[in-house]
Amino acid sequence: MRIKVNSREHEFPPGSSLARVVELVRETHKNDPVTRALIERTGFDHLTFIYNSRIVRPDEYESIELKDGDEIRWMRPYAGG
């Protein structure tokens, strides 16, 4: 099935959960300087995941089963003014 992650299409097997996408995003971006700095300072990457225009709490990741055509966005916190 095709899922959009930050506007790019990816293939996932049927029955995949949002937790699988979260795992892949975190693995792919673990060496990003911003992500590394957040983990070093706080112990966590602070990534936020949005599933079909709804912010999802981490305790929901496993319970959301993906469907063909779903859209997932992720973002990290930014500071500044």
PDB file of N, CA and C in Angstrom:
ATOM      1  N   MET A   1       0.845  -1.177   0.000  1.00  0.00           N
ATOM      2  CA  MET A   1       0.000   0.000   0.000  1.00  0.00           C
ATOM      3  C   MET A   1       0.886   1.234   0.000  1.00  0.00           C
ATOM      4  N   ARG A   2       0.367   2.306  -0.570  1.00  0.00           N
ATOM      5  CA  ARG A   2       1.134   3.551  -0.688  1.00  0.00           C
ATOM      6  C   ARG A   2       0.709   4.531   0.417  1.00  0.00           C
ATOM      7  N   ILE A   3       1.721   5.043   1.111  1.00  0.00           N
ATOM      8  CA  ILE A   3       1.527   6.013   2.183  1.00  0.00           C
ATOM      9  C   ILE A   3       2.420   7.206   1.879  1.00  0.00           C
ATOM     10  N   LYS A   4       1.920   8.411   2.068  1.00  0.00           N
ATOM     11  CA  LYS A   4       2.751   9.594   1.909  1.00  0.00           C
ATOM     12  C   LYS A   4       3.346   9.970   3.255  1.00  0.00           C
ATOM     13  N   VAL A   5       4.667  10.125   3.276  1.00  0.00           N
ATOM     14  CA  VAL A   5       5.367  10.563   4.473  1.00  0.00           C
ATOM     15  C   VAL A   5       6.092  11.848   4.091  1.00  0.00           C
ATOM     16  N   ASN A   6       5.659  12.957   4.689  1.00  0.00           N
ATOM     17  CA  ASN A   6       6.191  14.285   4.341  1.00  0.00           C
ATOM     18  C   ASN A   6       6.195  14.483   2.823  1.00  0.00           C
ATOM     19  N   SER A   7       5.049  14.187   2.226  1.00  0.00           N
ATOM     20  CA  SER A   7       4.760  14.402   0.798  1.00  0.00           C
ATOM     21  C   SER A   7       5.482  13.448  -0.151  1.00  0.00           C
ATOM     22  N   ARG A   8       6.194  12.473   0.353  1.00  0.00           N
ATOM     23  CA  ARG A   8       6.854  11.476  -0.496  1.00  0.00           C
ATOM     24  C   ARG A   8       6.164  10.133  -0.325  1.00  0.00           C
ATOM     25  N   GLU A   9       5.877   9.474  -1.447  1.00  0.00           N
ATOM     26  CA  GLU A   9       5.204   8.178  -1.376  1.00  0.00           C
ATOM     27  C   GLU A   9       6.173   7.067  -0.995  1.00  0.00           C
ATOM     28  N   HIS A  10       5.687   6.193  -0.124  1.00  0.00           N
ATOM     29  CA  HIS A  10       6.444   5.027   0.319  1.00  0.00           C
ATOM     30  C   HIS A  10       5.514   3.828   0.295  1.00  0.00           C
ATOM     31  N   GLU A  11       6.090   2.663   0.078  1.00  0.00           N
ATOM     32  CA  GLU A  11       5.339   1.410   0.106  1.00  0.00           C
ATOM     33  C   GLU A  11       5.473   0.758   1.481  1.00  0.00           C
ATOM     34  N   PHE A  12       4.343   0.335   2.026  1.00  0.00           N
ATOM     35  CA  PHE A  12       4.325  -0.398   3.290  1.00  0.00           C
ATOM     36  C   PHE A  12       3.446  -1.624   3.119  1.00  0.00           C
ATOM     37  N   PRO A  13       3.769  -2.705   3.793  1.00  0.00           N
ATOM     38  CA  PRO A  13       2.924  -3.890   3.690  1.00  0.00           C
ATOM     39  C   PRO A  13       1.585  -3.668   4.395  1.00  0.00           C
ATOM     40  N   PRO A  14       0.524  -4.298   3.901  1.00  0.00           N
ATOM     41  CA  PRO A  14      -0.768  -4.184   4.588  1.00  0.00           C
ATOM     42  C   PRO A  14      -0.635  -4.596   6.053  1.00  0.00           C
ATOM     43  N   GLY A  15      -1.365  -3.918   6.909  1.00  0.00           N
ATOM     44  CA  GLY A  15      -1.319  -4.218   8.338  1.00  0.00           C
ATOM     45  C   GLY A  15      -0.267  -3.442   9.099  1.00  0.00           C
ATOM     46  N   SER A  16       0.510  -2.610   8.394  1.00  0.00           N
ATOM     47  CA  SER A  16       1.533  -1.809   9.076  1.00  0.00           C
ATOM     48  C   SER A  16       0.884  -0.773   9.977  1.00  0.00           C
ATOM     49  N   SER A  17       1.557  -0.495  11.082  1.00  0.00           N
ATOM     50  CA  SER A  17       1.047   0.512  12.012  1.00  0.00           C
ATOM     51  C   SER A  17       1.851   1.805  11.873  1.00  0.00           C
ATOM     52  N   LEU A  18       1.320   2.852  12.432  1.00  0.00           N
ATOM     53  CA  LEU A  18       2.030   4.130  12.462  1.00  0.00           C
ATOM     54  C   LEU A  18       3.366   3.961  13.179  1.00  0.00           C
ATOM     55  N   ALA A  19       3.426   3.067  14.144  1.00  0.00           N
ATOM     56  CA  ALA A  19       4.675   2.819  14.881  1.00  0.00           C
ATOM     57  C   ALA A  19       5.803   2.426  13.933  1.00  0.00           C
ATOM     58  N   ARG A  20       5.497   1.728  12.856  1.00  0.00           N
ATOM     59  CA  ARG A  20       6.518   1.329  11.882  1.00  0.00           C
ATOM     60  C   ARG A  20       7.094   2.555  11.182  1.00  0.00           C
ATOM     61  N   VAL A  21       6.246   3.495  10.817  1.00  0.00           N
ATOM     62  CA  VAL A  21       6.712   4.731  10.181  1.00  0.00           C
ATOM     63  C   VAL A  21       7.567   5.521  11.164  1.00  0.00           C
ATOM     64  N   VAL A  22       7.106   5.628  12.391  1.00  0.00           N
ATOM     65  CA  VAL A  22       7.856   6.352  13.427  1.00  0.00           C
ATOM     66  C   VAL A  22       9.247   5.736  13.581  1.00  0.00           C
ATOM     67  N   GLU A  23       9.303   4.427  13.637  1.00  0.00           N
ATOM     68  CA  GLU A  23      10.584   3.717  13.777  1.00  0.00           C
ATOM     69  C   GLU A  23      11.508   4.028  12.594  1.00  0.00           C
ATOM     70  N   LEU A  24      10.985   3.993  11.380  1.00  0.00           N
ATOM     71  CA  LEU A  24      11.796   4.269  10.193  1.00  0.00           C
ATOM     72  C   LEU A  24      12.285   5.713  10.159  1.00  0.00           C
ATOM     73  N   VAL A  25      11.422   6.660  10.498  1.00  0.00           N
ATOM     74  CA  VAL A  25      11.817   8.077  10.501  1.00  0.00           C
ATOM     75  C   VAL A  25      12.910   8.301  11.538  1.00  0.00           C
ATOM     76  N   ARG A  26      12.713   7.762  12.721  1.00  0.00           N
ATOM     77  CA  ARG A  26      13.718   7.940  13.770  1.00  0.00           C
ATOM     78  C   ARG A  26      15.046   7.307  13.390  1.00  0.00           C
ATOM     79  N   GLU A  27      15.008   6.136  12.793  1.00  0.00           N
ATOM     80  CA  GLU A  27      16.247   5.471  12.378  1.00  0.00           C
ATOM     81  C   GLU A  27      16.948   6.267  11.283  1.00  0.00           C
ATOM     82  N   THR A  28      16.189   6.759  10.329  1.00  0.00           N
ATOM     83  CA  THR A  28      16.753   7.509   9.204  1.00  0.00           C
ATOM     84  C   THR A  28      17.373   8.826   9.638  1.00  0.00           C
ATOM     85  N   HIS A  29      16.808   9.468  10.665  1.00  0.00           N
ATOM     86  CA  HIS A  29      17.249  10.806  11.058  1.00  0.00           C
ATOM     87  C   HIS A  29      18.034  10.846  12.366  1.00  0.00           C
ATOM     88  N   LYS A  30      18.438   9.699  12.881  1.00  0.00           N
ATOM     89  CA  LYS A  30      19.117   9.670  14.175  1.00  0.00           C
ATOM     90  C   LYS A  30      20.464  10.380  14.158  1.00  0.00           C
ATOM     91  N   ASN A  31      21.105  10.482  13.001  1.00  0.00           N
ATOM     92  CA  ASN A  31      22.401  11.149  12.922  1.00  0.00           C
ATOM     93  C   ASN A  31      22.304  12.593  12.452  1.00  0.00           C
ATOM     94  N   ASP A  32      21.101  13.073  12.240  1.00  0.00           N
ATOM     95  CA  ASP A  32      20.904  14.475  11.892  1.00  0.00           C
ATOM     96  C   ASP A  32      21.393  15.330  13.061  1.00  0.00           C
ATOM     97  N   PRO A  33      22.146  16.401  12.799  1.00  0.00           N
ATOM     98  CA  PRO A  33      22.707  17.211  13.892  1.00  0.00           C
ATOM     99  C   PRO A  33      21.660  17.752  14.872  1.00  0.00           C
ATOM    100  N   VAL A  34      20.510  18.174  14.378  1.00  0.00           N
ATOM    101  CA  VAL A  34      19.474  18.709  15.274  1.00  0.00           C
ATOM    102  C   VAL A  34      18.920  17.592  16.151  1.00  0.00           C
ATOM    103  N   THR A  35      18.646  16.448  15.543  1.00  0.00           N
ATOM    104  CA  THR A  35      18.120  15.314  16.307  1.00  0.00           C
ATOM    105  C   THR A  35      19.131  14.854  17.348  1.00  0.00           C
ATOM    106  N   ARG A  36      20.395  14.735  16.944  1.00  0.00           N
ATOM    107  CA  ARG A  36      21.430  14.318  17.905  1.00  0.00           C
ATOM    108  C   ARG A  36      21.538  15.283  19.069  1.00  0.00           C
ATOM    109  N   ALA A  37      21.489  16.589  18.784  1.00  0.00           N
ATOM    110  CA  ALA A  37      21.591  17.589  19.851  1.00  0.00           C
ATOM    111  C   ALA A  37      20.419  17.469  20.818  1.00  0.00           C
ATOM    112  N   LEU A  38      19.214  17.269  20.291  1.00  0.00           N
ATOM    113  CA  LEU A  38      18.045  17.120  21.164  1.00  0.00           C
ATOM    114  C   LEU A  38      18.185  15.885  22.053  1.00  0.00           C
ATOM    115  N   ILE A  39      18.624  14.785  21.466  1.00  0.00           N
ATOM    116  CA  ILE A  39      18.785  13.557  22.251  1.00  0.00           C
ATOM    117  C   ILE A  39      19.862  13.731  23.313  1.00  0.00           C
ATOM    118  N   GLU A  40      20.966  14.358  22.955  1.00  0.00           N
ATOM    119  CA  GLU A  40      22.048  14.572  23.928  1.00  0.00           C
ATOM    120  C   GLU A  40      21.600  15.454  25.089  1.00  0.00           C
ATOM    121  N   ARG A  41      20.806  16.465  24.791  1.00  0.00           N
ATOM    122  CA  ARG A  41      20.387  17.403  25.841  1.00  0.00           C
ATOM    123  C   ARG A  41      19.205  16.917  26.660  1.00  0.00           C
ATOM    124  N   THR A  42      18.299  16.180  26.019  1.00  0.00           N
ATOM    125  CA  THR A  42      17.059  15.825  26.718  1.00  0.00           C
ATOM    126  C   THR A  42      16.818  14.330  26.829  1.00  0.00           C
ATOM    127  N   GLY A  43      17.559  13.539  26.051  1.00  0.00           N
ATOM    128  CA  GLY A  43      17.341  12.096  26.055  1.00  0.00           C
ATOM    129  C   GLY A  43      16.245  11.642  25.108  1.00  0.00           C
ATOM    130  N   PHE A  44      15.688  12.557  24.328  1.00  0.00           N
ATOM    131  CA  PHE A  44      14.574  12.231  23.433  1.00  0.00           C
ATOM    132  C   PHE A  44      14.665  13.103  22.192  1.00  0.00           C
ATOM    133  N   ASP A  45      14.140  12.623  21.065  1.00  0.00           N
ATOM    134  CA  ASP A  45      14.243  13.388  19.819  1.00  0.00           C
ATOM    135  C   ASP A  45      13.141  14.437  19.635  1.00  0.00           C
ATOM    136  N   HIS A  46      12.071  14.337  20.386  1.00  0.00           N
ATOM    137  CA  HIS A  46      10.968  15.309  20.364  1.00  0.00           C
ATOM    138  C   HIS A  46      10.278  15.435  19.008  1.00  0.00           C
ATOM    139  N   LEU A  47      10.314  14.389  18.180  1.00  0.00           N
ATOM    140  CA  LEU A  47       9.620  14.427  16.896  1.00  0.00           C
ATOM    141  C   LEU A  47       8.111  14.347  17.129  1.00  0.00           C
ATOM    142  N   THR A  48       7.382  15.100  16.341  1.00  0.00           N
ATOM    143  CA  THR A  48       5.919  15.088  16.396  1.00  0.00           C
ATOM    144  C   THR A  48       5.413  14.457  15.110  1.00  0.00           C
ATOM    145  N   PHE A  49       4.417  13.565  15.231  1.00  0.00           N
ATOM    146  CA  PHE A  49       3.862  12.892  14.064  1.00  0.00           C
ATOM    147  C   PHE A  49       2.395  13.289  13.895  1.00  0.00           C
ATOM    148  N   ILE A  50       2.046  13.566  12.638  1.00  0.00           N
ATOM    149  CA  ILE A  50       0.697  13.993  12.283  1.00  0.00           C
ATOM    150  C   ILE A  50       0.153  12.973  11.295  1.00  0.00           C
ATOM    151  N   TYR A  51      -0.949  12.355  11.647  1.00  0.00           N
ATOM    152  CA  TYR A  51      -1.564  11.312  10.834  1.00  0.00           C
ATOM    153  C   TYR A  51      -2.872  11.848  10.268  1.00  0.00           C
ATOM    154  N   ASN A  52      -2.940  11.985   8.943  1.00  0.00           N
ATOM    155  CA  ASN A  52      -4.134  12.513   8.280  1.00  0.00           C
ATOM    156  C   ASN A  52      -4.645  13.782   8.962  1.00  0.00           C
ATOM    157  N   SER A  53      -3.745  14.738   9.155  1.00  0.00           N
ATOM    158  CA  SER A  53      -4.027  16.079   9.703  1.00  0.00           C
ATOM    159  C   SER A  53      -4.333  16.101  11.194  1.00  0.00           C
ATOM    160  N   ARG A  54      -4.007  15.039  11.922  1.00  0.00           N
ATOM    161  CA  ARG A  54      -4.247  14.991  13.365  1.00  0.00           C
ATOM    162  C   ARG A  54      -2.954  14.647  14.085  1.00  0.00           C
ATOM    163  N   ILE A  55      -2.585  15.486  15.051  1.00  0.00           N
ATOM    164  CA  ILE A  55      -1.401  15.200  15.864  1.00  0.00           C
ATOM    165  C   ILE A  55      -1.680  13.942  16.682  1.00  0.00           C
ATOM    166  N   VAL A  56      -0.710  13.046  16.686  1.00  0.00           N
ATOM    167  CA  VAL A  56      -0.874  11.757  17.354  1.00  0.00           C
ATOM    168  C   VAL A  56       0.041  11.682  18.569  1.00  0.00           C
ATOM    169  N   ARG A  57      -0.516  11.232  19.679  1.00  0.00           N
ATOM    170  CA  ARG A  57       0.278  11.023  20.891  1.00  0.00           C
ATOM    171  C   ARG A  57       1.079   9.725  20.755  1.00  0.00           C
ATOM    172  N   PRO A  58       2.261   9.683  21.342  1.00  0.00           N
ATOM    173  CA  PRO A  58       3.095   8.472  21.229  1.00  0.00           C
ATOM    174  C   PRO A  58       2.394   7.188  21.678  1.00  0.00           C
ATOM    175  N   ASP A  59       1.513   7.271  22.652  1.00  0.00           N
ATOM    176  CA  ASP A  59       0.839   6.050  23.104  1.00  0.00           C
ATOM    177  C   ASP A  59      -0.185   5.527  22.087  1.00  0.00           C
ATOM    178  N   GLU A  60      -0.422   6.259  21.009  1.00  0.00           N
ATOM    179  CA  GLU A  60      -1.350   5.827  19.966  1.00  0.00           C
ATOM    180  C   GLU A  60      -0.654   5.188  18.764  1.00  0.00           C
ATOM    181  N   TYR A  61       0.658   5.302  18.659  1.00  0.00           N
ATOM    182  CA  TYR A  61       1.371   4.848  17.466  1.00  0.00           C
ATOM    183  C   TYR A  61       1.060   3.399  17.098  1.00  0.00           C
ATOM    184  N   GLU A  62       1.081   2.516  18.056  1.00  0.00           N
ATOM    185  CA  GLU A  62       0.849   1.081  17.792  1.00  0.00           C
ATOM    186  C   GLU A  62      -0.589   0.792  17.371  1.00  0.00           C
ATOM    187  N   SER A  63      -1.535   1.557  17.864  1.00  0.00           N
ATOM    188  CA  SER A  63      -2.942   1.237  17.613  1.00  0.00           C
ATOM    189  C   SER A  63      -3.470   1.768  16.283  1.00  0.00           C
ATOM    190  N   ILE A  64      -2.700   2.580  15.582  1.00  0.00           N
ATOM    191  CA  ILE A  64      -3.156   3.141  14.302  1.00  0.00           C
ATOM    192  C   ILE A  64      -2.646   2.265  13.169  1.00  0.00           C
ATOM    193  N   GLU A  65      -3.575   1.575  12.506  1.00  0.00           N
ATOM    194  CA  GLU A  65      -3.231   0.755  11.359  1.00  0.00           C
ATOM    195  C   GLU A  65      -3.333   1.603  10.100  1.00  0.00           C
ATOM    196  N   LEU A  66      -2.279   1.590   9.314  1.00  0.00           N
ATOM    197  CA  LEU A  66      -2.241   2.419   8.115  1.00  0.00           C
ATOM    198  C   LEU A  66      -3.138   1.853   7.018  1.00  0.00           C
ATOM    199  N   LYS A  67      -3.658   2.776   6.208  1.00  0.00           N
ATOM    200  CA  LYS A  67      -4.492   2.412   5.075  1.00  0.00           C
ATOM    201  C   LYS A  67      -3.906   3.066   3.823  1.00  0.00           C
ATOM    202  N   ASP A  68      -4.148   2.453   2.678  1.00  0.00           N
ATOM    203  CA  ASP A  68      -3.666   2.999   1.420  1.00  0.00           C
ATOM    204  C   ASP A  68      -4.125   4.443   1.270  1.00  0.00           C
ATOM    205  N   GLY A  69      -3.197   5.328   0.933  1.00  0.00           N
ATOM    206  CA  GLY A  69      -3.513   6.734   0.722  1.00  0.00           C
ATOM    207  C   GLY A  69      -3.384   7.620   1.952  1.00  0.00           C
ATOM    208  N   ASP A  70      -3.050   7.033   3.108  1.00  0.00           N
ATOM    209  CA  ASP A  70      -2.860   7.851   4.314  1.00  0.00           C
ATOM    210  C   ASP A  70      -1.710   8.826   4.115  1.00  0.00           C
ATOM    211  N   GLU A  71      -1.777   9.928   4.853  1.00  0.00           N
ATOM    212  CA  GLU A  71      -0.702  10.919   4.826  1.00  0.00           C
ATOM    213  C   GLU A  71      -0.162  11.116   6.233  1.00  0.00           C
ATOM    214  N   ILE A  72       1.143  11.009   6.338  1.00  0.00           N
ATOM    215  CA  ILE A  72       1.821  11.193   7.626  1.00  0.00           C
ATOM    216  C   ILE A  72       2.848  12.306   7.447  1.00  0.00           C
ATOM    217  N   ARG A  73       2.847  13.209   8.385  1.00  0.00           N
ATOM    218  CA  ARG A  73       3.861  14.273   8.406  1.00  0.00           C
ATOM    219  C   ARG A  73       4.575  14.167   9.736  1.00  0.00           C
ATOM    220  N   TRP A  74       5.817  14.518   9.738  1.00  0.00           N
ATOM    221  CA  TRP A  74       6.567  14.569  10.985  1.00  0.00           C
ATOM    222  C   TRP A  74       7.357  15.862  10.994  1.00  0.00           C
ATOM    223  N   MET A  75       7.605  16.336  12.190  1.00  0.00           N
ATOM    224  CA  MET A  75       8.383  17.561  12.332  1.00  0.00           C
ATOM    225  C   MET A  75       9.091  17.544  13.672  1.00  0.00           C
ATOM    226  N   ARG A  76      10.132  18.324  13.739  1.00  0.00           N
ATOM    227  CA  ARG A  76      10.863  18.461  15.004  1.00  0.00           C
ATOM    228  C   ARG A  76      10.618  19.869  15.525  1.00  0.00           C
ATOM    229  N   PRO A  77      10.802  20.064  16.813  1.00  0.00           N
ATOM    230  CA  PRO A  77      10.575  21.404  17.373  1.00  0.00           C
ATOM    231  C   PRO A  77      11.637  22.406  16.897  1.00  0.00           C
ATOM    232  N   TYR A  78      11.215  23.610  16.760  1.00  0.00           N
ATOM    233  CA  TYR A  78      12.131  24.696  16.399  1.00  0.00           C
ATOM    234  C   TYR A  78      11.971  25.808  17.410  1.00  0.00           C
ATOM    235  N   ALA A  79      13.064  26.425  17.735  1.00  0.00           N
ATOM    236  CA  ALA A  79      13.039  27.566  18.652  1.00  0.00           C
ATOM    237  C   ALA A  79      13.498  28.793  17.892  1.00  0.00           C
ATOM    238  N   GLY A  80      13.090  29.907  18.360  1.00  0.00           N
ATOM    239  CA  GLY A  80      13.533  31.152  17.729  1.00  0.00           C
ATOM    240  C   GLY A  80      12.466  32.207  17.832  1.00  0.00           C
ATOM    241  N   GLY A  81      12.713  33.281  17.203  1.00  0.00           N
ATOM    242  CA  GLY A  81      11.731  34.342  17.286  1.00  0.00           C
ATOM    243  C   GLY A  81      11.881  35.324  16.173  1.00  0.00           C
TER     244      GLY A  81
END
